[in-house]
């Protein structure tokens, strides 16, 4: 597994996440299949490519609850 260092990408937008002060990439990556149904080597490559385009938000939720 590689260790990636995040850097801002000039094309990606980074809006604030509510009032938290966190800036997240506008494009998120669904991470639920990563390392599980997608092989670890492929997962590592996908995360690297996502970071290369400025992504910094991986959604790893197992399920969502509606109200």
C-alpha atoms as a PDB file:
ATOM      1  CA  UNK A   1       0.000   0.000   0.000  1.00  0.00           C
ATOM      2  CA  UNK A   2       1.343   3.412  -0.952  1.00  0.00           C
ATOM      3  CA  UNK A   3       1.295   6.422   1.273  1.00  0.00           C
ATOM      4  CA  UNK A   4      -0.190   9.405  -0.541  1.00  0.00           C
ATOM      5  CA  UNK A   5       0.253  13.056   0.303  1.00  0.00           C
ATOM      6  CA  UNK A   6      -2.682  15.263  -0.627  1.00  0.00           C
ATOM      7  CA  UNK A   7      -2.082  18.417  -2.658  1.00  0.00           C
ATOM      8  CA  UNK A   8      -4.682  20.777  -4.080  1.00  0.00           C
ATOM      9  CA  UNK A   9      -5.365  20.285  -7.768  1.00  0.00           C
ATOM     10  CA  UNK A  10      -5.854  23.456  -9.862  1.00  0.00           C
ATOM     11  CA  UNK A  11      -9.025  22.167 -11.573  1.00  0.00           C
ATOM     12  CA  UNK A  12     -10.832  20.508  -8.651  1.00  0.00           C
ATOM     13  CA  UNK A  13     -13.184  22.637  -6.550  1.00  0.00           C
ATOM     14  CA  UNK A  14     -13.009  22.380  -2.748  1.00  0.00           C
ATOM     15  CA  UNK A  15     -16.156  23.726  -1.055  1.00  0.00           C
ATOM     16  CA  UNK A  16     -16.366  23.884   2.736  1.00  0.00           C
ATOM     17  CA  UNK A  17     -18.173  21.009   4.412  1.00  0.00           C
ATOM     18  CA  UNK A  18     -20.934  22.859   6.306  1.00  0.00           C
ATOM     19  CA  UNK A  19     -19.476  24.857   9.205  1.00  0.00           C
ATOM     20  CA  UNK A  20     -16.659  22.424   9.960  1.00  0.00           C
ATOM     21  CA  UNK A  21     -14.019  24.346   8.017  1.00  0.00           C
ATOM     22  CA  UNK A  22     -13.059  21.176   6.150  1.00  0.00           C
ATOM     23  CA  UNK A  23     -12.551  21.553   2.414  1.00  0.00           C
ATOM     24  CA  UNK A  24     -13.555  18.456   0.469  1.00  0.00           C
ATOM     25  CA  UNK A  25     -13.232  17.786  -3.230  1.00  0.00           C
ATOM     26  CA  UNK A  26     -16.437  18.310  -5.168  1.00  0.00           C
ATOM     27  CA  UNK A  27     -15.969  14.856  -6.702  1.00  0.00           C
ATOM     28  CA  UNK A  28     -16.199  12.082  -4.098  1.00  0.00           C
ATOM     29  CA  UNK A  29     -15.187   8.463  -4.529  1.00  0.00           C
ATOM     30  CA  UNK A  30     -17.428   5.618  -3.382  1.00  0.00           C
ATOM     31  CA  UNK A  31     -15.100   3.469  -1.358  1.00  0.00           C
ATOM     32  CA  UNK A  32     -17.377   0.638  -0.250  1.00  0.00           C
ATOM     33  CA  UNK A  33     -16.058  -1.909  -2.797  1.00  0.00           C
ATOM     34  CA  UNK A  34     -12.413  -0.838  -2.444  1.00  0.00           C
ATOM     35  CA  UNK A  35     -10.274  -3.613  -0.996  1.00  0.00           C
ATOM     36  CA  UNK A  36     -13.302  -5.907  -0.726  1.00  0.00           C
ATOM     37  CA  UNK A  37     -14.833  -6.682  -4.121  1.00  0.00           C
ATOM     38  CA  UNK A  38     -12.052  -4.821  -5.939  1.00  0.00           C
ATOM     39  CA  UNK A  39      -8.562  -6.348  -5.584  1.00  0.00           C
ATOM     40  CA  UNK A  40      -6.120  -4.498  -3.287  1.00  0.00           C
ATOM     41  CA  UNK A  41      -3.662  -3.707  -6.113  1.00  0.00           C
ATOM     42  CA  UNK A  42      -6.445  -2.200  -8.235  1.00  0.00           C
ATOM     43  CA  UNK A  43      -7.757  -0.324  -5.204  1.00  0.00           C
ATOM     44  CA  UNK A  44      -4.332   1.191  -4.604  1.00  0.00           C
ATOM     45  CA  UNK A  45      -4.097   2.317  -8.239  1.00  0.00           C
ATOM     46  CA  UNK A  46      -7.617   3.795  -8.171  1.00  0.00           C
ATOM     47  CA  UNK A  47      -6.934   5.762  -4.984  1.00  0.00           C
ATOM     48  CA  UNK A  48      -3.693   7.056  -6.483  1.00  0.00           C
ATOM     49  CA  UNK A  49      -5.443   8.225  -9.651  1.00  0.00           C
ATOM     50  CA  UNK A  50      -8.225   9.826  -7.603  1.00  0.00           C
ATOM     51  CA  UNK A  51      -5.651  11.720  -5.565  1.00  0.00           C
ATOM     52  CA  UNK A  52      -3.772  12.745  -8.725  1.00  0.00           C
ATOM     53  CA  UNK A  53      -6.866  14.633  -9.915  1.00  0.00           C
ATOM     54  CA  UNK A  54      -7.278  16.304  -6.513  1.00  0.00           C
ATOM     55  CA  UNK A  55      -9.750  14.013  -4.780  1.00  0.00           C
ATOM     56  CA  UNK A  56      -9.720  13.988  -0.992  1.00  0.00           C
ATOM     57  CA  UNK A  57     -13.162  12.605  -0.068  1.00  0.00           C
ATOM     58  CA  UNK A  58     -13.721   8.828   0.007  1.00  0.00           C
ATOM     59  CA  UNK A  59     -17.155   7.702   1.173  1.00  0.00           C
ATOM     60  CA  UNK A  60     -16.728   4.361   2.944  1.00  0.00           C
ATOM     61  CA  UNK A  61     -20.259   4.027   4.360  1.00  0.00           C
ATOM     62  CA  UNK A  62     -21.689   0.509   4.458  1.00  0.00           C
ATOM     63  CA  UNK A  63     -25.298   1.730   4.304  1.00  0.00           C
ATOM     64  CA  UNK A  64     -27.416   4.859   4.545  1.00  0.00           C
ATOM     65  CA  UNK A  65     -30.479   5.460   6.704  1.00  0.00           C
ATOM     66  CA  UNK A  66     -33.349   7.549   5.427  1.00  0.00           C
ATOM     67  CA  UNK A  67     -35.669   9.512   7.675  1.00  0.00           C
END
